[in-house]
Amino acid sequence: MTAAIIAAVLPSIGWAATITVTSGSTDELGTNSSCSLREAIINANNDAATYADCTAGSGDDTISIPAGT
């Protein structure tokens, strides 16, 4: 019974990452230690850390672009 309840609840839990853009450049891909918007989108779409400069994506991600970036 407990396993059935857990199985029913788990699909409704949305795991997600917040990926923060730290670079305004759109041409860089893994060339420095900052996270570009392009890298953030790729990581979010792949649900992985394709580019280690950014947080790994995971489910329904949020990409945060701070003012001035």
PDB file of N, CA and C in Angstrom:
ATOM      1  N   MET A   1       0.825  -1.189   0.000  1.00  0.00           N
ATOM      2  CA  MET A   1       0.000   0.000   0.000  1.00  0.00           C
ATOM      3  C   MET A   1       0.875   1.262   0.000  1.00  0.00           C
ATOM      4  N   THR A   2       1.889   1.296   0.851  1.00  0.00           N
ATOM      5  CA  THR A   2       2.772   2.458   0.917  1.00  0.00           C
ATOM      6  C   THR A   2       3.500   2.670  -0.412  1.00  0.00           C
ATOM      7  N   ALA A   3       3.943   1.602  -1.037  1.00  0.00           N
ATOM      8  CA  ALA A   3       4.633   1.717  -2.327  1.00  0.00           C
ATOM      9  C   ALA A   3       3.708   2.304  -3.382  1.00  0.00           C
ATOM     10  N   ALA A   4       2.449   1.949  -3.355  1.00  0.00           N
ATOM     11  CA  ALA A   4       1.481   2.473  -4.326  1.00  0.00           C
ATOM     12  C   ALA A   4       1.270   3.971  -4.127  1.00  0.00           C
ATOM     13  N   ILE A   5       1.232   4.405  -2.887  1.00  0.00           N
ATOM     14  CA  ILE A   5       1.069   5.836  -2.597  1.00  0.00           C
ATOM     15  C   ILE A   5       2.304   6.607  -3.064  1.00  0.00           C
ATOM     16  N   ILE A   6       3.475   6.093  -2.783  1.00  0.00           N
ATOM     17  CA  ILE A   6       4.711   6.756  -3.211  1.00  0.00           C
ATOM     18  C   ILE A   6       4.770   6.815  -4.732  1.00  0.00           C
ATOM     19  N   ALA A   7       4.421   5.735  -5.411  1.00  0.00           N
ATOM     20  CA  ALA A   7       4.444   5.706  -6.872  1.00  0.00           C
ATOM     21  C   ALA A   7       3.452   6.706  -7.458  1.00  0.00           C
ATOM     22  N   ALA A   8       2.336   6.919  -6.792  1.00  0.00           N
ATOM     23  CA  ALA A   8       1.335   7.860  -7.276  1.00  0.00           C
ATOM     24  C   ALA A   8       1.785   9.302  -7.089  1.00  0.00           C
ATOM     25  N   VAL A   9       2.569   9.558  -6.066  1.00  0.00           N
ATOM     26  CA  VAL A   9       3.012  10.917  -5.764  1.00  0.00           C
ATOM     27  C   VAL A   9       4.249  11.310  -6.565  1.00  0.00           C
ATOM     28  N   LEU A  10       5.179  10.410  -6.780  1.00  0.00           N
ATOM     29  CA  LEU A  10       6.437  10.744  -7.436  1.00  0.00           C
ATOM     30  C   LEU A  10       6.295  11.374  -8.810  1.00  0.00           C
ATOM     31  N   PRO A  11       5.433  10.897  -9.695  1.00  0.00           N
ATOM     32  CA  PRO A  11       5.345  11.547 -11.002  1.00  0.00           C
ATOM     33  C   PRO A  11       4.915  13.005 -10.946  1.00  0.00           C
ATOM     34  N   SER A  12       4.241  13.408  -9.887  1.00  0.00           N
ATOM     35  CA  SER A  12       3.785  14.789  -9.780  1.00  0.00           C
ATOM     36  C   SER A  12       4.859  15.725  -9.233  1.00  0.00           C
ATOM     37  N   ILE A  13       5.941  15.146  -8.704  1.00  0.00           N
ATOM     38  CA  ILE A  13       7.025  15.968  -8.181  1.00  0.00           C
ATOM     39  C   ILE A  13       7.884  16.409  -9.353  1.00  0.00           C
ATOM     40  N   GLY A  14       8.061  17.704  -9.510  1.00  0.00           N
ATOM     41  CA  GLY A  14       8.864  18.210 -10.619  1.00  0.00           C
ATOM     42  C   GLY A  14      10.253  18.578 -10.154  1.00  0.00           C
ATOM     43  N   TRP A  15      11.228  17.784 -10.536  1.00  0.00           N
ATOM     44  CA  TRP A  15      12.606  18.114 -10.205  1.00  0.00           C
ATOM     45  C   TRP A  15      13.074  19.141 -11.223  1.00  0.00           C
ATOM     46  N   ALA A  16      13.730  20.163 -10.768  1.00  0.00           N
ATOM     47  CA  ALA A  16      14.180  21.217 -11.673  1.00  0.00           C
ATOM     48  C   ALA A  16      15.438  21.862 -11.130  1.00  0.00           C
ATOM     49  N   ALA A  17      16.169  22.487 -12.034  1.00  0.00           N
ATOM     50  CA  ALA A  17      17.374  23.216 -11.657  1.00  0.00           C
ATOM     51  C   ALA A  17      17.188  24.677 -12.017  1.00  0.00           C
ATOM     52  N   THR A  18      17.870  25.547 -11.290  1.00  0.00           N
ATOM     53  CA  THR A  18      17.952  26.945 -11.676  1.00  0.00           C
ATOM     54  C   THR A  18      19.354  27.157 -12.220  1.00  0.00           C
ATOM     55  N   ILE A  19      19.424  27.558 -13.481  1.00  0.00           N
ATOM     56  CA  ILE A  19      20.702  27.768 -14.155  1.00  0.00           C
ATOM     57  C   ILE A  19      20.884  29.271 -14.308  1.00  0.00           C
ATOM     58  N   THR A  20      21.927  29.824 -13.700  1.00  0.00           N
ATOM     59  CA  THR A  20      22.160  31.263 -13.717  1.00  0.00           C
ATOM     60  C   THR A  20      23.205  31.616 -14.768  1.00  0.00           C
ATOM     61  N   VAL A  21      22.816  32.503 -15.673  1.00  0.00           N
ATOM     62  CA  VAL A  21      23.719  32.991 -16.711  1.00  0.00           C
ATOM     63  C   VAL A  21      24.669  34.000 -16.074  1.00  0.00           C
ATOM     64  N   THR A  22      25.971  33.836 -16.334  1.00  0.00           N
ATOM     65  CA  THR A  22      26.962  34.743 -15.752  1.00  0.00           C
ATOM     66  C   THR A  22      27.777  35.473 -16.808  1.00  0.00           C
ATOM     67  N   SER A  23      27.455  35.242 -18.083  1.00  0.00           N
ATOM     68  CA  SER A  23      28.197  35.884 -19.165  1.00  0.00           C
ATOM     69  C   SER A  23      27.231  36.373 -20.233  1.00  0.00           C
ATOM     70  N   GLY A  24      27.473  37.567 -20.753  1.00  0.00           N
ATOM     71  CA  GLY A  24      26.648  38.122 -21.814  1.00  0.00           C
ATOM     72  C   GLY A  24      27.056  37.651 -23.193  1.00  0.00           C
ATOM     73  N   SER A  25      28.155  36.921 -23.290  1.00  0.00           N
ATOM     74  CA  SER A  25      28.629  36.440 -24.587  1.00  0.00           C
ATOM     75  C   SER A  25      27.730  35.322 -25.105  1.00  0.00           C
ATOM     76  N   THR A  26      27.494  35.323 -26.414  1.00  0.00           N
ATOM     77  CA  THR A  26      26.694  34.252 -27.009  1.00  0.00           C
ATOM     78  C   THR A  26      27.542  33.294 -27.826  1.00  0.00           C
ATOM     79  N   ASP A  27      28.833  33.587 -27.959  1.00  0.00           N
ATOM     80  CA  ASP A  27      29.698  32.780 -28.811  1.00  0.00           C
ATOM     81  C   ASP A  27      30.509  31.727 -28.073  1.00  0.00           C
ATOM     82  N   GLU A  28      30.620  31.848 -26.771  1.00  0.00           N
ATOM     83  CA  GLU A  28      31.468  30.923 -26.024  1.00  0.00           C
ATOM     84  C   GLU A  28      30.739  29.622 -25.736  1.00  0.00           C
ATOM     85  N   LEU A  29      31.441  28.542 -25.843  1.00  0.00           N
ATOM     86  CA  LEU A  29      30.919  27.237 -25.460  1.00  0.00           C
ATOM     87  C   LEU A  29      32.020  26.491 -24.722  1.00  0.00           C
ATOM     88  N   GLY A  30      31.949  26.499 -23.391  1.00  0.00           N
ATOM     89  CA  GLY A  30      32.913  25.778 -22.572  1.00  0.00           C
ATOM     90  C   GLY A  30      34.328  26.309 -22.635  1.00  0.00           C
ATOM     91  N   THR A  31      34.487  27.572 -23.002  1.00  0.00           N
ATOM     92  CA  THR A  31      35.837  28.109 -23.162  1.00  0.00           C
ATOM     93  C   THR A  31      36.337  28.862 -21.943  1.00  0.00           C
ATOM     94  N   ASN A  32      35.466  29.104 -20.971  1.00  0.00           N
ATOM     95  CA  ASN A  32      35.896  29.797 -19.755  1.00  0.00           C
ATOM     96  C   ASN A  32      35.061  29.317 -18.581  1.00  0.00           C
ATOM     97  N   SER A  33      35.151  29.985 -17.470  1.00  0.00           N
ATOM     98  CA  SER A  33      34.431  29.519 -16.279  1.00  0.00           C
ATOM     99  C   SER A  33      33.122  30.276 -16.051  1.00  0.00           C
ATOM    100  N   SER A  34      32.582  30.887 -17.087  1.00  0.00           N
ATOM    101  CA  SER A  34      31.296  31.572 -16.935  1.00  0.00           C
ATOM    102  C   SER A  34      30.237  30.872 -17.773  1.00  0.00           C
ATOM    103  N   CYS A  35      28.984  31.066 -17.402  1.00  0.00           N
ATOM    104  CA  CYS A  35      27.858  30.385 -18.031  1.00  0.00           C
ATOM    105  C   CYS A  35      27.139  31.338 -18.987  1.00  0.00           C
ATOM    106  N   SER A  36      27.205  31.040 -20.281  1.00  0.00           N
ATOM    107  CA  SER A  36      26.511  31.871 -21.268  1.00  0.00           C
ATOM    108  C   SER A  36      25.064  31.394 -21.416  1.00  0.00           C
ATOM    109  N   LEU A  37      24.228  32.223 -21.997  1.00  0.00           N
ATOM    110  CA  LEU A  37      22.831  31.839 -22.225  1.00  0.00           C
ATOM    111  C   LEU A  37      22.767  30.600 -23.113  1.00  0.00           C
ATOM    112  N   ARG A  38      23.602  30.553 -24.120  1.00  0.00           N
ATOM    113  CA  ARG A  38      23.629  29.401 -25.025  1.00  0.00           C
ATOM    114  C   ARG A  38      23.947  28.108 -24.270  1.00  0.00           C
ATOM    115  N   GLU A  39      24.947  28.149 -23.393  1.00  0.00           N
ATOM    116  CA  GLU A  39      25.306  26.977 -22.597  1.00  0.00           C
ATOM    117  C   GLU A  39      24.163  26.599 -21.647  1.00  0.00           C
ATOM    118  N   ALA A  40      23.530  27.597 -21.041  1.00  0.00           N
ATOM    119  CA  ALA A  40      22.422  27.336 -20.110  1.00  0.00           C
ATOM    120  C   ALA A  40      21.272  26.630 -20.816  1.00  0.00           C
ATOM    121  N   ILE A  41      20.946  27.083 -22.029  1.00  0.00           N
ATOM    122  CA  ILE A  41      19.853  26.463 -22.789  1.00  0.00           C
ATOM    123  C   ILE A  41      20.205  25.026 -23.161  1.00  0.00           C
ATOM    124  N   ILE A  42      21.435  24.805 -23.582  1.00  0.00           N
ATOM    125  CA  ILE A  42      21.863  23.446 -23.942  1.00  0.00           C
ATOM    126  C   ILE A  42      21.783  22.525 -22.727  1.00  0.00           C
ATOM    127  N   ASN A  43      22.281  22.985 -21.568  1.00  0.00           N
ATOM    128  CA  ASN A  43      22.207  22.161 -20.353  1.00  0.00           C
ATOM    129  C   ASN A  43      20.764  21.880 -19.959  1.00  0.00           C
ATOM    130  N   ALA A  44      19.897  22.887 -20.070  1.00  0.00           N
ATOM    131  CA  ALA A  44      18.490  22.699 -19.715  1.00  0.00           C
ATOM    132  C   ALA A  44      17.825  21.696 -20.660  1.00  0.00           C
ATOM    133  N   ASN A  45      18.107  21.798 -21.938  1.00  0.00           N
ATOM    134  CA  ASN A  45      17.506  20.880 -22.909  1.00  0.00           C
ATOM    135  C   ASN A  45      18.016  19.455 -22.763  1.00  0.00           C
ATOM    136  N   ASN A  46      19.277  19.296 -22.388  1.00  0.00           N
ATOM    137  CA  ASN A  46      19.872  17.962 -22.252  1.00  0.00           C
ATOM    138  C   ASN A  46      19.656  17.339 -20.880  1.00  0.00           C
ATOM    139  N   ASP A  47      19.124  18.114 -19.918  1.00  0.00           N
ATOM    140  CA  ASP A  47      18.984  17.636 -18.535  1.00  0.00           C
ATOM    141  C   ASP A  47      20.303  17.051 -18.031  1.00  0.00           C
ATOM    142  N   ALA A  48      21.390  17.757 -18.319  1.00  0.00           N
ATOM    143  CA  ALA A  48      22.724  17.293 -17.937  1.00  0.00           C
ATOM    144  C   ALA A  48      23.669  18.482 -17.896  1.00  0.00           C
ATOM    145  N   ALA A  49      24.888  18.226 -17.442  1.00  0.00           N
ATOM    146  CA  ALA A  49      25.919  19.260 -17.426  1.00  0.00           C
ATOM    147  C   ALA A  49      26.780  19.112 -18.676  1.00  0.00           C
ATOM    148  N   THR A  50      26.169  19.318 -19.839  1.00  0.00           N
ATOM    149  CA  THR A  50      26.905  19.243 -21.094  1.00  0.00           C
ATOM    150  C   THR A  50      28.069  20.223 -21.058  1.00  0.00           C
ATOM    151  N   TYR A  51      27.817  21.409 -20.526  1.00  0.00           N
ATOM    152  CA  TYR A  51      28.862  22.411 -20.326  1.00  0.00           C
ATOM    153  C   TYR A  51      29.005  22.632 -18.834  1.00  0.00           C
ATOM    154  N   ALA A  52      30.179  22.295 -18.302  1.00  0.00           N
ATOM    155  CA  ALA A  52      30.423  22.348 -16.863  1.00  0.00           C
ATOM    156  C   ALA A  52      30.426  23.777 -16.325  1.00  0.00           C
ATOM    157  N   ASP A  53      30.464  24.775 -17.214  1.00  0.00           N
ATOM    158  CA  ASP A  53      30.428  26.168 -16.774  1.00  0.00           C
ATOM    159  C   ASP A  53      29.075  26.528 -16.151  1.00  0.00           C
ATOM    160  N   CYS A  54      28.045  25.736 -16.450  1.00  0.00           N
ATOM    161  CA  CYS A  54      26.681  25.990 -15.965  1.00  0.00           C
ATOM    162  C   CYS A  54      26.194  24.816 -15.119  1.00  0.00           C
ATOM    163  N   THR A  55      25.181  25.081 -14.324  1.00  0.00           N
ATOM    164  CA  THR A  55      24.526  24.032 -13.551  1.00  0.00           C
ATOM    165  C   THR A  55      23.897  23.024 -14.505  1.00  0.00           C
ATOM    166  N   ALA A  56      23.871  21.766 -14.115  1.00  0.00           N
ATOM    167  CA  ALA A  56      23.228  20.738 -14.934  1.00  0.00           C
ATOM    168  C   ALA A  56      21.726  20.947 -14.955  1.00  0.00           C
ATOM    169  N   GLY A  57      21.128  20.728 -16.099  1.00  0.00           N
ATOM    170  CA  GLY A  57      19.677  20.779 -16.206  1.00  0.00           C
ATOM    171  C   GLY A  57      19.065  19.554 -15.562  1.00  0.00           C
ATOM    172  N   SER A  58      17.795  19.681 -15.183  1.00  0.00           N
ATOM    173  CA  SER A  58      17.111  18.564 -14.544  1.00  0.00           C
ATOM    174  C   SER A  58      15.612  18.816 -14.537  1.00  0.00           C
ATOM    175  N   GLY A  59      14.919  18.339 -15.531  1.00  0.00           N
ATOM    176  CA  GLY A  59      13.468  18.509 -15.573  1.00  0.00           C
ATOM    177  C   GLY A  59      13.065  19.879 -16.086  1.00  0.00           C
ATOM    178  N   ASP A  60      12.068  20.482 -15.437  1.00  0.00           N
ATOM    179  CA  ASP A  60      11.559  21.801 -15.834  1.00  0.00           C
ATOM    180  C   ASP A  60      12.447  22.883 -15.223  1.00  0.00           C
ATOM    181  N   ASP A  61      13.485  23.255 -15.936  1.00  0.00           N
ATOM    182  CA  ASP A  61      14.488  24.173 -15.406  1.00  0.00           C
ATOM    183  C   ASP A  61      14.082  25.634 -15.539  1.00  0.00           C
ATOM    184  N   THR A  62      14.724  26.462 -14.733  1.00  0.00           N
ATOM    185  CA  THR A  62      14.591  27.919 -14.817  1.00  0.00           C
ATOM    186  C   THR A  62      15.957  28.480 -15.166  1.00  0.00           C
ATOM    187  N   ILE A  63      15.990  29.325 -16.191  1.00  0.00           N
ATOM    188  CA  ILE A  63      17.234  29.999 -16.546  1.00  0.00           C
ATOM    189  C   ILE A  63      17.116  31.430 -16.048  1.00  0.00           C
ATOM    190  N   SER A  64      18.030  31.794 -15.165  1.00  0.00           N
ATOM    191  CA  SER A  64      18.032  33.126 -14.560  1.00  0.00           C
ATOM    192  C   SER A  64      19.080  33.988 -15.253  1.00  0.00           C
ATOM    193  N   ILE A  65      18.640  35.172 -15.721  1.00  0.00           N
ATOM    194  CA  ILE A  65      19.551  36.113 -16.370  1.00  0.00           C
ATOM    195  C   ILE A  65      19.555  37.382 -15.535  1.00  0.00           C
ATOM    196  N   PRO A  66      20.569  37.571 -14.697  1.00  0.00           N
ATOM    197  CA  PRO A  66      20.629  38.755 -13.849  1.00  0.00           C
ATOM    198  C   PRO A  66      20.750  40.047 -14.676  1.00  0.00           C
ATOM    199  N   ALA A  67      20.243  41.133 -14.143  1.00  0.00           N
ATOM    200  CA  ALA A  67      20.323  42.429 -14.803  1.00  0.00           C
ATOM    201  C   ALA A  67      21.780  42.764 -15.107  1.00  0.00           C
ATOM    202  N   GLY A  68      22.041  43.303 -16.273  1.00  0.00           N
ATOM    203  CA  GLY A  68      23.383  43.697 -16.649  1.00  0.00           C
ATOM    204  C   GLY A  68      24.223  42.591 -17.259  1.00  0.00           C
ATOM    205  N   THR A  69      23.642  41.397 -17.360  1.00  0.00           N
ATOM    206  CA  THR A  69      24.401  40.274 -17.937  1.00  0.00           C
ATOM    207  C   THR A  69      24.272  40.309 -19.434  1.00  0.00           C
TER     208      THR A  69
END
